[in-house]
Amino acid sequence: MTRWRIGCVESARLPHAGVGRPRWSVDLVRQRAGNPFTLELEAC
C-alpha cells in the first residue's frame, strides 16, 4: 500500500560542540491512491 525509502542527511548544527538530532530523507516512492513525496525529517 505504501513504499518508503529512507536515507541519512546532515543533522542541524548546534550552537555548541556536539551532535544534533539525526535527520533522515523520507521518500514515499509509491502509495495506493495517492502521490509520492519527499521530506527531510528528524529521526524517531
PDB file of all heavy atoms in Angstrom:
ATOM      1  N   MET A   1       0.824  -1.196   0.000  1.00  0.00           N
ATOM      2  CA  MET A   1       0.000   0.000   0.000  1.00  0.00           C
ATOM      3  C   MET A   1       0.864   1.254   0.000  1.00  0.00           C
ATOM      4  O   MET A   1       0.483   2.273  -0.581  1.00  0.00           O
ATOM      5  CB  MET A   1      -0.942  -0.009   1.204  1.00  0.00           C
ATOM      6  CG  MET A   1      -1.837  -1.227   1.256  1.00  0.00           C
ATOM      7  SD  MET A   1      -3.147  -1.100   2.493  1.00  0.00           S
ATOM      8  CE  MET A   1      -4.221   0.111   1.758  1.00  0.00           C
ATOM      9  N   THR A   2       2.012   1.199   0.679  1.00  0.00           N
ATOM     10  CA  THR A   2       2.972   2.298   0.637  1.00  0.00           C
ATOM     11  C   THR A   2       4.371   1.707   0.525  1.00  0.00           C
ATOM     12  O   THR A   2       4.640   0.599   1.015  1.00  0.00           O
ATOM     13  CB  THR A   2       2.911   3.195   1.896  1.00  0.00           C
ATOM     14  OG1 THR A   2       3.252   2.422   3.057  1.00  0.00           O
ATOM     15  CG2 THR A   2       1.538   3.811   2.073  1.00  0.00           C
ATOM     16  N   ARG A   3       5.293   2.488  -0.105  1.00  0.00           N
ATOM     17  CA  ARG A   3       6.688   2.056  -0.256  1.00  0.00           C
ATOM     18  C   ARG A   3       7.575   3.249   0.110  1.00  0.00           C
ATOM     19  O   ARG A   3       7.466   4.313  -0.502  1.00  0.00           O
ATOM     20  CB  ARG A   3       6.969   1.580  -1.680  1.00  0.00           C
ATOM     21  CG  ARG A   3       5.991   0.545  -2.178  1.00  0.00           C
ATOM     22  CD  ARG A   3       6.376  -0.002  -3.542  1.00  0.00           C
ATOM     23  NE  ARG A   3       7.362  -1.072  -3.418  1.00  0.00           N
ATOM     24  CZ  ARG A   3       7.903  -1.693  -4.468  1.00  0.00           C
ATOM     25  NH1 ARG A   3       7.590  -1.327  -5.702  1.00  0.00           N
ATOM     26  NH2 ARG A   3       8.790  -2.663  -4.279  1.00  0.00           N
ATOM     27  N   TRP A   4       8.442   3.054   1.119  1.00  0.00           N
ATOM     28  CA  TRP A   4       9.248   4.129   1.673  1.00  0.00           C
ATOM     29  C   TRP A   4      10.738   3.865   1.464  1.00  0.00           C
ATOM     30  O   TRP A   4      11.202   2.737   1.643  1.00  0.00           O
ATOM     31  CB  TRP A   4       8.990   4.258   3.177  1.00  0.00           C
ATOM     32  CG  TRP A   4       7.550   4.494   3.540  1.00  0.00           C
ATOM     33  CD1 TRP A   4       6.569   3.552   3.662  1.00  0.00           C
ATOM     34  CD2 TRP A   4       6.932   5.751   3.826  1.00  0.00           C
ATOM     35  NE1 TRP A   4       5.383   4.141   4.021  1.00  0.00           N
ATOM     36  CE2 TRP A   4       5.567   5.500   4.130  1.00  0.00           C
ATOM     37  CE3 TRP A   4       7.395   7.067   3.872  1.00  0.00           C
ATOM     38  CZ2 TRP A   4       4.669   6.500   4.471  1.00  0.00           C
ATOM     39  CZ3 TRP A   4       6.501   8.073   4.212  1.00  0.00           C
ATOM     40  CH2 TRP A   4       5.157   7.794   4.505  1.00  0.00           C
ATOM     41  N   ARG A   5      11.473   4.934   1.134  1.00  0.00           N
ATOM     42  CA  ARG A   5      12.931   4.850   1.007  1.00  0.00           C
ATOM     43  C   ARG A   5      13.539   5.854   1.990  1.00  0.00           C
ATOM     44  O   ARG A   5      13.217   7.035   1.954  1.00  0.00           O
ATOM     45  CB  ARG A   5      13.370   5.147  -0.425  1.00  0.00           C
ATOM     46  CG  ARG A   5      14.858   4.955  -0.672  1.00  0.00           C
ATOM     47  CD  ARG A   5      15.162   4.882  -2.153  1.00  0.00           C
ATOM     48  NE  ARG A   5      14.570   5.990  -2.874  1.00  0.00           N
ATOM     49  CZ  ARG A   5      13.984   5.895  -4.064  1.00  0.00           C
ATOM     50  NH1 ARG A   5      13.885   4.722  -4.683  1.00  0.00           N
ATOM     51  NH2 ARG A   5      13.482   6.957  -4.666  1.00  0.00           N
ATOM     52  N   ILE A   6      14.435   5.364   2.863  1.00  0.00           N
ATOM     53  CA  ILE A   6      14.951   6.170   3.968  1.00  0.00           C
ATOM     54  C   ILE A   6      16.472   6.305   3.847  1.00  0.00           C
ATOM     55  O   ILE A   6      17.180   5.308   3.646  1.00  0.00           O
ATOM     56  CB  ILE A   6      14.618   5.532   5.331  1.00  0.00           C
ATOM     57  CG1 ILE A   6      13.131   5.139   5.398  1.00  0.00           C
ATOM     58  CG2 ILE A   6      14.987   6.474   6.462  1.00  0.00           C
ATOM     59  CD1 ILE A   6      12.170   6.294   5.237  1.00  0.00           C
ATOM     60  N   GLY A   7      16.959   7.537   3.973  1.00  0.00           N
ATOM     61  CA  GLY A   7      18.395   7.776   3.936  1.00  0.00           C
ATOM     62  C   GLY A   7      18.795   8.842   4.943  1.00  0.00           C
ATOM     63  O   GLY A   7      17.970   9.627   5.416  1.00  0.00           O
ATOM     64  N   CYS A   8      20.058   8.872   5.294  1.00  0.00           N
ATOM     65  CA  CYS A   8      20.580   9.853   6.243  1.00  0.00           C
ATOM     66  C   CYS A   8      20.920  11.160   5.541  1.00  0.00           C
ATOM     67  O   CYS A   8      21.389  11.157   4.399  1.00  0.00           O
ATOM     68  CB  CYS A   8      21.841   9.319   6.923  1.00  0.00           C
ATOM     69  SG  CYS A   8      21.556   7.903   7.987  1.00  0.00           S
ATOM     70  N   VAL A   9      20.682  12.267   6.213  1.00  0.00           N
ATOM     71  CA  VAL A   9      21.124  13.581   5.749  1.00  0.00           C
ATOM     72  C   VAL A   9      21.842  14.264   6.914  1.00  0.00           C
ATOM     73  O   VAL A   9      21.771  13.819   8.062  1.00  0.00           O
ATOM     74  CB  VAL A   9      19.952  14.456   5.248  1.00  0.00           C
ATOM     75  CG1 VAL A   9      19.293  13.839   4.031  1.00  0.00           C
ATOM     76  CG2 VAL A   9      18.923  14.662   6.350  1.00  0.00           C
ATOM     77  N   GLU A  10      22.510  15.359   6.626  1.00  0.00           N
ATOM     78  CA  GLU A  10      23.288  16.059   7.641  1.00  0.00           C
ATOM     79  C   GLU A  10      22.379  16.625   8.715  1.00  0.00           C
ATOM     80  O   GLU A  10      21.347  17.237   8.426  1.00  0.00           O
ATOM     81  CB  GLU A  10      24.098  17.179   6.991  1.00  0.00           C
ATOM     82  CG  GLU A  10      25.028  17.910   7.950  1.00  0.00           C
ATOM     83  CD  GLU A  10      25.849  18.973   7.255  1.00  0.00           C
ATOM     84  OE1 GLU A  10      25.755  19.073   6.011  1.00  0.00           O
ATOM     85  OE2 GLU A  10      26.556  19.715   7.955  1.00  0.00           O
ATOM     86  N   SER A  11      22.750  16.409   9.972  1.00  0.00           N
ATOM     87  CA  SER A  11      21.960  16.932  11.075  1.00  0.00           C
ATOM     88  C   SER A  11      22.212  18.423  11.249  1.00  0.00           C
ATOM     89  O   SER A  11      23.167  18.977  10.699  1.00  0.00           O
ATOM     90  CB  SER A  11      22.299  16.200  12.380  1.00  0.00           C
ATOM     91  OG  SER A  11      23.659  16.395  12.712  1.00  0.00           O
ATOM     92  N   ALA A  12      21.329  19.063  12.006  1.00  0.00           N
ATOM     93  CA  ALA A  12      21.447  20.509  12.216  1.00  0.00           C
ATOM     94  C   ALA A  12      22.674  20.827  13.064  1.00  0.00           C
ATOM     95  O   ALA A  12      23.047  20.072  13.967  1.00  0.00           O
ATOM     96  CB  ALA A  12      20.191  21.031  12.907  1.00  0.00           C
ATOM     97  N   ARG A  13      23.306  21.955  12.768  1.00  0.00           N
ATOM     98  CA  ARG A  13      24.453  22.396  13.571  1.00  0.00           C
ATOM     99  C   ARG A  13      23.966  22.929  14.915  1.00  0.00           C
ATOM    100  O   ARG A  13      22.948  23.602  14.997  1.00  0.00           O
ATOM    101  CB  ARG A  13      25.228  23.482  12.828  1.00  0.00           C
ATOM    102  CG  ARG A  13      25.914  22.978  11.566  1.00  0.00           C
ATOM    103  CD  ARG A  13      26.761  24.069  10.924  1.00  0.00           C
ATOM    104  NE  ARG A  13      27.435  23.581   9.747  1.00  0.00           N
ATOM    105  CZ  ARG A  13      28.622  22.967   9.767  1.00  0.00           C
ATOM    106  NH1 ARG A  13      29.237  22.793  10.925  1.00  0.00           N
ATOM    107  NH2 ARG A  13      29.181  22.541   8.660  1.00  0.00           N
ATOM    108  N   LEU A  14      24.706  22.621  15.946  1.00  0.00           N
ATOM    109  CA  LEU A  14      24.382  23.097  17.289  1.00  0.00           C
ATOM    110  C   LEU A  14      25.214  24.328  17.633  1.00  0.00           C
ATOM    111  O   LEU A  14      26.315  24.505  17.088  1.00  0.00           O
ATOM    112  CB  LEU A  14      24.654  21.985  18.316  1.00  0.00           C
ATOM    113  CG  LEU A  14      23.814  20.709  18.181  1.00  0.00           C
ATOM    114  CD1 LEU A  14      24.264  19.685  19.205  1.00  0.00           C
ATOM    115  CD2 LEU A  14      22.336  21.003  18.341  1.00  0.00           C
ATOM    116  N   PRO A  15      24.720  25.180  18.525  1.00  0.00           N
ATOM    117  CA  PRO A  15      25.493  26.368  18.911  1.00  0.00           C
ATOM    118  C   PRO A  15      26.696  26.032  19.787  1.00  0.00           C
ATOM    119  O   PRO A  15      27.436  26.920  20.188  1.00  0.00           O
ATOM    120  CB  PRO A  15      24.468  27.218  19.675  1.00  0.00           C
ATOM    121  CG  PRO A  15      23.477  26.235  20.194  1.00  0.00           C
ATOM    122  CD  PRO A  15      23.386  25.160  19.146  1.00  0.00           C
ATOM    123  N   HIS A  16      26.864  24.747  20.098  1.00  0.00           N
ATOM    124  CA  HIS A  16      27.987  24.311  20.916  1.00  0.00           C
ATOM    125  C   HIS A  16      28.491  22.989  20.353  1.00  0.00           C
ATOM    126  O   HIS A  16      27.856  22.386  19.478  1.00  0.00           O
ATOM    127  CB  HIS A  16      27.547  24.140  22.378  1.00  0.00           C
ATOM    128  CG  HIS A  16      26.297  23.351  22.538  1.00  0.00           C
ATOM    129  ND1 HIS A  16      26.255  21.974  22.450  1.00  0.00           N
ATOM    130  CD2 HIS A  16      25.004  23.754  22.730  1.00  0.00           C
ATOM    131  CE1 HIS A  16      25.014  21.551  22.605  1.00  0.00           C
ATOM    132  NE2 HIS A  16      24.225  22.610  22.777  1.00  0.00           N
ATOM    133  N   ALA A  17      29.607  22.533  20.830  1.00  0.00           N
ATOM    134  CA  ALA A  17      30.173  21.282  20.330  1.00  0.00           C
ATOM    135  C   ALA A  17      29.259  20.108  20.661  1.00  0.00           C
ATOM    136  O   ALA A  17      28.793  19.968  21.788  1.00  0.00           O
ATOM    137  CB  ALA A  17      31.546  21.061  20.945  1.00  0.00           C
ATOM    138  N   GLY A  18      28.993  19.286  19.666  1.00  0.00           N
ATOM    139  CA  GLY A  18      28.128  18.136  19.890  1.00  0.00           C
ATOM    140  C   GLY A  18      27.411  17.736  18.619  1.00  0.00           C
ATOM    141  O   GLY A  18      27.565  18.370  17.571  1.00  0.00           O
ATOM    142  N   VAL A  19      26.642  16.676  18.707  1.00  0.00           N
ATOM    143  CA  VAL A  19      25.921  16.138  17.558  1.00  0.00           C
ATOM    144  C   VAL A  19      24.434  16.413  17.718  1.00  0.00           C
ATOM    145  O   VAL A  19      23.854  16.115  18.762  1.00  0.00           O
ATOM    146  CB  VAL A  19      26.159  14.620  17.418  1.00  0.00           C
ATOM    147  CG1 VAL A  19      25.391  14.063  16.231  1.00  0.00           C
ATOM    148  CG2 VAL A  19      27.642  14.326  17.267  1.00  0.00           C
ATOM    149  N   GLY A  20      23.809  16.994  16.704  1.00  0.00           N
ATOM    150  CA  GLY A  20      22.381  17.280  16.753  1.00  0.00           C
ATOM    151  C   GLY A  20      21.551  16.031  16.510  1.00  0.00           C
ATOM    152  O   GLY A  20      22.074  14.954  16.227  1.00  0.00           O
ATOM    153  N   ARG A  21      20.250  16.176  16.653  1.00  0.00           N
ATOM    154  CA  ARG A  21      19.344  15.049  16.417  1.00  0.00           C
ATOM    155  C   ARG A  21      19.493  14.578  14.970  1.00  0.00           C
ATOM    156  O   ARG A  21      19.492  15.393  14.038  1.00  0.00           O
ATOM    157  CB  ARG A  21      17.906  15.479  16.691  1.00  0.00           C
ATOM    158  CG  ARG A  21      16.877  14.356  16.524  1.00  0.00           C
ATOM    159  CD  ARG A  21      15.517  14.822  16.984  1.00  0.00           C
ATOM    160  NE  ARG A  21      14.468  13.864  16.681  1.00  0.00           N
ATOM    161  CZ  ARG A  21      13.190  14.016  17.011  1.00  0.00           C
ATOM    162  NH1 ARG A  21      12.817  15.111  17.659  1.00  0.00           N
ATOM    163  NH2 ARG A  21      12.276  13.102  16.698  1.00  0.00           N
ATOM    164  N   PRO A  22      19.644  13.287  14.752  1.00  0.00           N
ATOM    165  CA  PRO A  22      19.806  12.789  13.374  1.00  0.00           C
ATOM    166  C   PRO A  22      18.627  13.183  12.491  1.00  0.00           C
ATOM    167  O   PRO A  22      17.495  13.322  12.972  1.00  0.00           O
ATOM    168  CB  PRO A  22      19.875  11.270  13.559  1.00  0.00           C
ATOM    169  CG  PRO A  22      20.297  11.067  14.970  1.00  0.00           C
ATOM    170  CD  PRO A  22      19.690  12.203  15.741  1.00  0.00           C
ATOM    171  N   ARG A  23      18.923  13.352  11.212  1.00  0.00           N
ATOM    172  CA  ARG A  23      17.880  13.668  10.241  1.00  0.00           C
ATOM    173  C   ARG A  23      17.884  12.640   9.114  1.00  0.00           C
ATOM    174  O   ARG A  23      18.940  12.124   8.739  1.00  0.00           O
ATOM    175  CB  ARG A  23      18.082  15.076   9.674  1.00  0.00           C
ATOM    176  CG  ARG A  23      17.778  16.175  10.667  1.00  0.00           C
ATOM    177  CD  ARG A  23      17.864  17.545  10.026  1.00  0.00           C
ATOM    178  NE  ARG A  23      17.558  18.600  10.983  1.00  0.00           N
ATOM    179  CZ  ARG A  23      17.534  19.896  10.676  1.00  0.00           C
ATOM    180  NH1 ARG A  23      17.820  20.288   9.440  1.00  0.00           N
ATOM    181  NH2 ARG A  23      17.230  20.788  11.601  1.00  0.00           N
ATOM    182  N   TRP A  24      16.693  12.402   8.598  1.00  0.00           N
ATOM    183  CA  TRP A  24      16.547  11.437   7.520  1.00  0.00           C
ATOM    184  C   TRP A  24      15.836  12.079   6.331  1.00  0.00           C
ATOM    185  O   TRP A  24      15.010  12.982   6.485  1.00  0.00           O
ATOM    186  CB  TRP A  24      15.696  10.247   7.974  1.00  0.00           C
ATOM    187  CG  TRP A  24      16.270   9.464   9.104  1.00  0.00           C
ATOM    188  CD1 TRP A  24      17.582   9.364   9.462  1.00  0.00           C
ATOM    189  CD2 TRP A  24      15.538   8.653  10.042  1.00  0.00           C
ATOM    190  NE1 TRP A  24      17.723   8.541  10.548  1.00  0.00           N
ATOM    191  CE2 TRP A  24      16.493   8.090  10.925  1.00  0.00           C
ATOM    192  CE3 TRP A  24      14.194   8.344  10.199  1.00  0.00           C
ATOM    193  CZ2 TRP A  24      16.114   7.237  11.958  1.00  0.00           C
ATOM    194  CZ3 TRP A  24      13.825   7.502  11.230  1.00  0.00           C
ATOM    195  CH2 TRP A  24      14.783   6.947  12.097  1.00  0.00           C
ATOM    196  N   SER A  25      16.166  11.589   5.162  1.00  0.00           N
ATOM    197  CA  SER A  25      15.377  11.870   3.969  1.00  0.00           C
ATOM    198  C   SER A  25      14.329  10.775   3.859  1.00  0.00           C
ATOM    199  O   SER A  25      14.662   9.592   3.691  1.00  0.00           O
ATOM    200  CB  SER A  25      16.271  11.884   2.723  1.00  0.00           C
ATOM    201  OG  SER A  25      15.477  11.975   1.552  1.00  0.00           O
ATOM    202  N   VAL A  26      13.071  11.147   3.998  1.00  0.00           N
ATOM    203  CA  VAL A  26      11.963  10.189   3.969  1.00  0.00           C
ATOM    204  C   VAL A  26      11.246  10.344   2.635  1.00  0.00           C
ATOM    205  O   VAL A  26      10.597  11.362   2.377  1.00  0.00           O
ATOM    206  CB  VAL A  26      10.999  10.434   5.147  1.00  0.00           C
ATOM    207  CG1 VAL A  26       9.801   9.502   5.073  1.00  0.00           C
ATOM    208  CG2 VAL A  26      11.737  10.248   6.475  1.00  0.00           C
ATOM    209  N   ASP A  27      11.380   9.334   1.803  1.00  0.00           N
ATOM    210  CA  ASP A  27      10.874   9.385   0.427  1.00  0.00           C
ATOM    211  C   ASP A  27       9.766   8.353   0.260  1.00  0.00           C
ATOM    212  O   ASP A  27      10.031   7.141   0.322  1.00  0.00           O
ATOM    213  CB  ASP A  27      12.040   9.099  -0.529  1.00  0.00           C
ATOM    214  CG  ASP A  27      11.645   9.194  -1.995  1.00  0.00           C
ATOM    215  OD1 ASP A  27      10.544   9.700  -2.291  1.00  0.00           O
ATOM    216  OD2 ASP A  27      12.440   8.766  -2.849  1.00  0.00           O
ATOM    217  N   LEU A  28       8.536   8.822   0.115  1.00  0.00           N
ATOM    218  CA  LEU A  28       7.432   7.905  -0.191  1.00  0.00           C
ATOM    219  C   LEU A  28       7.450   7.674  -1.699  1.00  0.00           C
ATOM    220  O   LEU A  28       7.009   8.519  -2.477  1.00  0.00           O
ATOM    221  CB  LEU A  28       6.091   8.487   0.252  1.00  0.00           C
ATOM    222  CG  LEU A  28       4.871   7.602  -0.033  1.00  0.00           C
ATOM    223  CD1 LEU A  28       4.957   6.287   0.723  1.00  0.00           C
ATOM    224  CD2 LEU A  28       3.577   8.315   0.312  1.00  0.00           C
ATOM    225  N   VAL A  29       7.973   6.539  -2.094  1.00  0.00           N
ATOM    226  CA  VAL A  29       8.175   6.239  -3.515  1.00  0.00           C
ATOM    227  C   VAL A  29       6.855   5.987  -4.222  1.00  0.00           C
ATOM    228  O   VAL A  29       6.655   6.383  -5.377  1.00  0.00           O
ATOM    229  CB  VAL A  29       9.103   5.018  -3.666  1.00  0.00           C
ATOM    230  CG1 VAL A  29       9.296   4.633  -5.125  1.00  0.00           C
ATOM    231  CG2 VAL A  29      10.452   5.301  -3.009  1.00  0.00           C
ATOM    232  N   ARG A  30       5.943   5.328  -3.515  1.00  0.00           N
ATOM    233  CA  ARG A  30       4.659   4.971  -4.132  1.00  0.00           C
ATOM    234  C   ARG A  30       3.643   4.756  -3.030  1.00  0.00           C
ATOM    235  O   ARG A  30       3.962   4.262  -1.952  1.00  0.00           O
ATOM    236  CB  ARG A  30       4.795   3.683  -4.969  1.00  0.00           C
ATOM    237  CG  ARG A  30       3.490   3.155  -5.540  1.00  0.00           C
ATOM    238  CD  ARG A  30       3.689   1.821  -6.248  1.00  0.00           C
ATOM    239  NE  ARG A  30       2.423   1.218  -6.626  1.00  0.00           N
ATOM    240  CZ  ARG A  30       1.688   0.453  -5.840  1.00  0.00           C
ATOM    241  NH1 ARG A  30       2.084   0.187  -4.610  1.00  0.00           N
ATOM    242  NH2 ARG A  30       0.547  -0.069  -6.263  1.00  0.00           N
ATOM    243  N   GLN A  31       2.407   5.145  -3.295  1.00  0.00           N
ATOM    244  CA  GLN A  31       1.300   4.809  -2.409  1.00  0.00           C
ATOM    245  C   GLN A  31       0.065   4.548  -3.252  1.00  0.00           C
ATOM    246  O   GLN A  31      -0.121   5.129  -4.322  1.00  0.00           O
ATOM    247  CB  GLN A  31       1.028   5.927  -1.396  1.00  0.00           C
ATOM    248  CG  GLN A  31       0.544   7.240  -1.978  1.00  0.00           C
ATOM    249  CD  GLN A  31       0.022   8.178  -0.895  1.00  0.00           C
ATOM    250  OE1 GLN A  31      -0.664   7.770   0.028  1.00  0.00           O
ATOM    251  NE2 GLN A  31       0.358   9.457  -1.019  1.00  0.00           N
ATOM    252  N   ARG A  32      -0.764   3.671  -2.753  1.00  0.00           N
ATOM    253  CA  ARG A  32      -2.001   3.344  -3.456  1.00  0.00           C
ATOM    254  C   ARG A  32      -2.980   4.507  -3.318  1.00  0.00           C
ATOM    255  O   ARG A  32      -3.230   4.994  -2.216  1.00  0.00           O
ATOM    256  CB  ARG A  32      -2.603   2.064  -2.864  1.00  0.00           C
ATOM    257  CG  ARG A  32      -3.702   1.439  -3.691  1.00  0.00           C
ATOM    258  CD  ARG A  32      -4.180   0.150  -3.042  1.00  0.00           C
ATOM    259  NE  ARG A  32      -3.122  -0.845  -2.941  1.00  0.00           N
ATOM    260  CZ  ARG A  32      -3.299  -2.038  -2.379  1.00  0.00           C
ATOM    261  NH1 ARG A  32      -4.472  -2.358  -1.852  1.00  0.00           N
ATOM    262  NH2 ARG A  32      -2.295  -2.900  -2.332  1.00  0.00           N
ATOM    263  N   ALA A  33      -3.496   4.987  -4.429  1.00  0.00           N
ATOM    264  CA  ALA A  33      -4.484   6.083  -4.464  1.00  0.00           C
ATOM    265  C   ALA A  33      -3.903   7.402  -3.966  1.00  0.00           C
ATOM    266  O   ALA A  33      -4.614   8.230  -3.402  1.00  0.00           O
ATOM    267  CB  ALA A  33      -5.735   5.718  -3.671  1.00  0.00           C
ATOM    268  N   GLY A  34      -2.615   7.606  -4.165  1.00  0.00           N
ATOM    269  CA  GLY A  34      -2.003   8.861  -3.741  1.00  0.00           C
ATOM    270  C   GLY A  34      -0.716   9.135  -4.484  1.00  0.00           C
ATOM    271  O   GLY A  34      -0.235   8.297  -5.256  1.00  0.00           O
ATOM    272  N   ASN A  35      -0.138  10.296  -4.236  1.00  0.00           N
ATOM    273  CA  ASN A  35       1.069  10.723  -4.938  1.00  0.00           C
ATOM    274  C   ASN A  35       2.306  10.514  -4.071  1.00  0.00           C
ATOM    275  O   ASN A  35       2.232  10.546  -2.845  1.00  0.00           O
ATOM    276  CB  ASN A  35       0.966  12.204  -5.315  1.00  0.00           C
ATOM    277  CG  ASN A  35      -0.165  12.475  -6.292  1.00  0.00           C
ATOM    278  OD1 ASN A  35      -0.393  11.700  -7.212  1.00  0.00           O
ATOM    279  ND2 ASN A  35      -0.874  13.574  -6.086  1.00  0.00           N
ATOM    280  N   PRO A  36       3.465  10.332  -4.693  1.00  0.00           N
ATOM    281  CA  PRO A  36       4.710  10.245  -3.929  1.00  0.00           C
ATOM    282  C   PRO A  36       5.143  11.616  -3.416  1.00  0.00           C
ATOM    283  O   PRO A  36       4.681  12.648  -3.895  1.00  0.00           O
ATOM    284  CB  PRO A  36       5.706   9.692  -4.954  1.00  0.00           C
ATOM    285  CG  PRO A  36       5.169  10.147  -6.273  1.00  0.00           C
ATOM    286  CD  PRO A  36       3.666  10.146  -6.138  1.00  0.00           C
ATOM    287  N   PHE A  37       6.042  11.618  -2.434  1.00  0.00           N
ATOM    288  CA  PHE A  37       6.599  12.875  -1.928  1.00  0.00           C
ATOM    289  C   PHE A  37       7.887  12.574  -1.174  1.00  0.00           C
ATOM    290  O   PHE A  37       8.184  11.423  -0.828  1.00  0.00           O
ATOM    291  CB  PHE A  37       5.608  13.617  -1.024  1.00  0.00           C
ATOM    292  CG  PHE A  37       5.171  12.856   0.201  1.00  0.00           C
ATOM    293  CD1 PHE A  37       5.948  12.854   1.362  1.00  0.00           C
ATOM    294  CD2 PHE A  37       3.985  12.141   0.214  1.00  0.00           C
ATOM    295  CE1 PHE A  37       5.545  12.172   2.493  1.00  0.00           C
ATOM    296  CE2 PHE A  37       3.578  11.444   1.344  1.00  0.00           C
ATOM    297  CZ  PHE A  37       4.364  11.463   2.486  1.00  0.00           C
ATOM    298  N   THR A  38       8.658  13.622  -0.929  1.00  0.00           N
ATOM    299  CA  THR A  38       9.917  13.508  -0.192  1.00  0.00           C
ATOM    300  C   THR A  38       9.981  14.606   0.859  1.00  0.00           C
ATOM    301  O   THR A  38       9.653  15.758   0.575  1.00  0.00           O
ATOM    302  CB  THR A  38      11.128  13.628  -1.135  1.00  0.00           C
ATOM    303  OG1 THR A  38      11.067  12.591  -2.125  1.00  0.00           O
ATOM    304  CG2 THR A  38      12.432  13.491  -0.358  1.00  0.00           C
ATOM    305  N   LEU A  39      10.390  14.242   2.080  1.00  0.00           N
ATOM    306  CA  LEU A  39      10.532  15.204   3.168  1.00  0.00           C
ATOM    307  C   LEU A  39      11.835  14.943   3.913  1.00  0.00           C
ATOM    308  O   LEU A  39      12.309  13.808   3.980  1.00  0.00           O
ATOM    309  CB  LEU A  39       9.376  15.082   4.162  1.00  0.00           C
ATOM    310  CG  LEU A  39       7.997  15.605   3.737  1.00  0.00           C
ATOM    311  CD1 LEU A  39       6.963  15.199   4.775  1.00  0.00           C
ATOM    312  CD2 LEU A  39       8.010  17.110   3.557  1.00  0.00           C
ATOM    313  N   GLU A  40      12.384  16.006   4.483  1.00  0.00           N
ATOM    314  CA  GLU A  40      13.505  15.863   5.403  1.00  0.00           C
ATOM    315  C   GLU A  40      12.953  15.965   6.821  1.00  0.00           C
ATOM    316  O   GLU A  40      12.301  16.954   7.161  1.00  0.00           O
ATOM    317  CB  GLU A  40      14.545  16.950   5.164  1.00  0.00           C
ATOM    318  CG  GLU A  40      15.774  16.823   6.047  1.00  0.00           C
ATOM    319  CD  GLU A  40      16.829  17.859   5.746  1.00  0.00           C
ATOM    320  OE1 GLU A  40      17.196  17.988   4.554  1.00  0.00           O
ATOM    321  OE2 GLU A  40      17.275  18.554   6.687  1.00  0.00           O
ATOM    322  N   LEU A  41      13.196  14.939   7.624  1.00  0.00           N
ATOM    323  CA  LEU A  41      12.605  14.866   8.952  1.00  0.00           C
ATOM    324  C   LEU A  41      13.661  14.520   9.993  1.00  0.00           C
ATOM    325  O   LEU A  41      14.686  13.918   9.674  1.00  0.00           O
ATOM    326  CB  LEU A  41      11.503  13.803   8.989  1.00  0.00           C
ATOM    327  CG  LEU A  41      10.292  14.025   8.082  1.00  0.00           C
ATOM    328  CD1 LEU A  41       9.441  12.768   8.036  1.00  0.00           C
ATOM    329  CD2 LEU A  41       9.467  15.210   8.561  1.00  0.00           C
ATOM    330  N   GLU A  42      13.376  14.906  11.225  1.00  0.00           N
ATOM    331  CA  GLU A  42      14.226  14.493  12.326  1.00  0.00           C
ATOM    332  C   GLU A  42      13.878  13.061  12.719  1.00  0.00           C
ATOM    333  O   GLU A  42      12.724  12.658  12.691  1.00  0.00           O
ATOM    334  CB  GLU A  42      14.056  15.438  13.509  1.00  0.00           C
ATOM    335  CG  GLU A  42      14.586  16.843  13.223  1.00  0.00           C
ATOM    336  CD  GLU A  42      14.586  17.737  14.447  1.00  0.00           C
ATOM    337  OE1 GLU A  42      13.839  17.431  15.399  1.00  0.00           O
ATOM    338  OE2 GLU A  42      15.315  18.739  14.443  1.00  0.00           O
ATOM    339  N   ALA A  43      14.903  12.295  13.075  1.00  0.00           N
ATOM    340  CA  ALA A  43      14.755  10.871  13.342  1.00  0.00           C
ATOM    341  C   ALA A  43      13.825  10.599  14.519  1.00  0.00           C
ATOM    342  O   ALA A  43      13.482  11.493  15.299  1.00  0.00           O
ATOM    343  CB  ALA A  43      16.121  10.249  13.601  1.00  0.00           C
ATOM    344  N   CYS A  44      13.428   9.332  14.659  1.00  0.00           N
ATOM    345  CA  CYS A  44      12.485   8.925  15.705  1.00  0.00           C
ATOM    346  C   CYS A  44      13.003   9.262  17.098  1.00  0.00           C
ATOM    347  O   CYS A  44      14.190   9.105  17.388  1.00  0.00           O
ATOM    348  CB  CYS A  44      12.240   7.423  15.624  1.00  0.00           C
ATOM    349  SG  CYS A  44      11.423   6.874  14.122  1.00  0.00           S
TER     350      CYS A  44
END
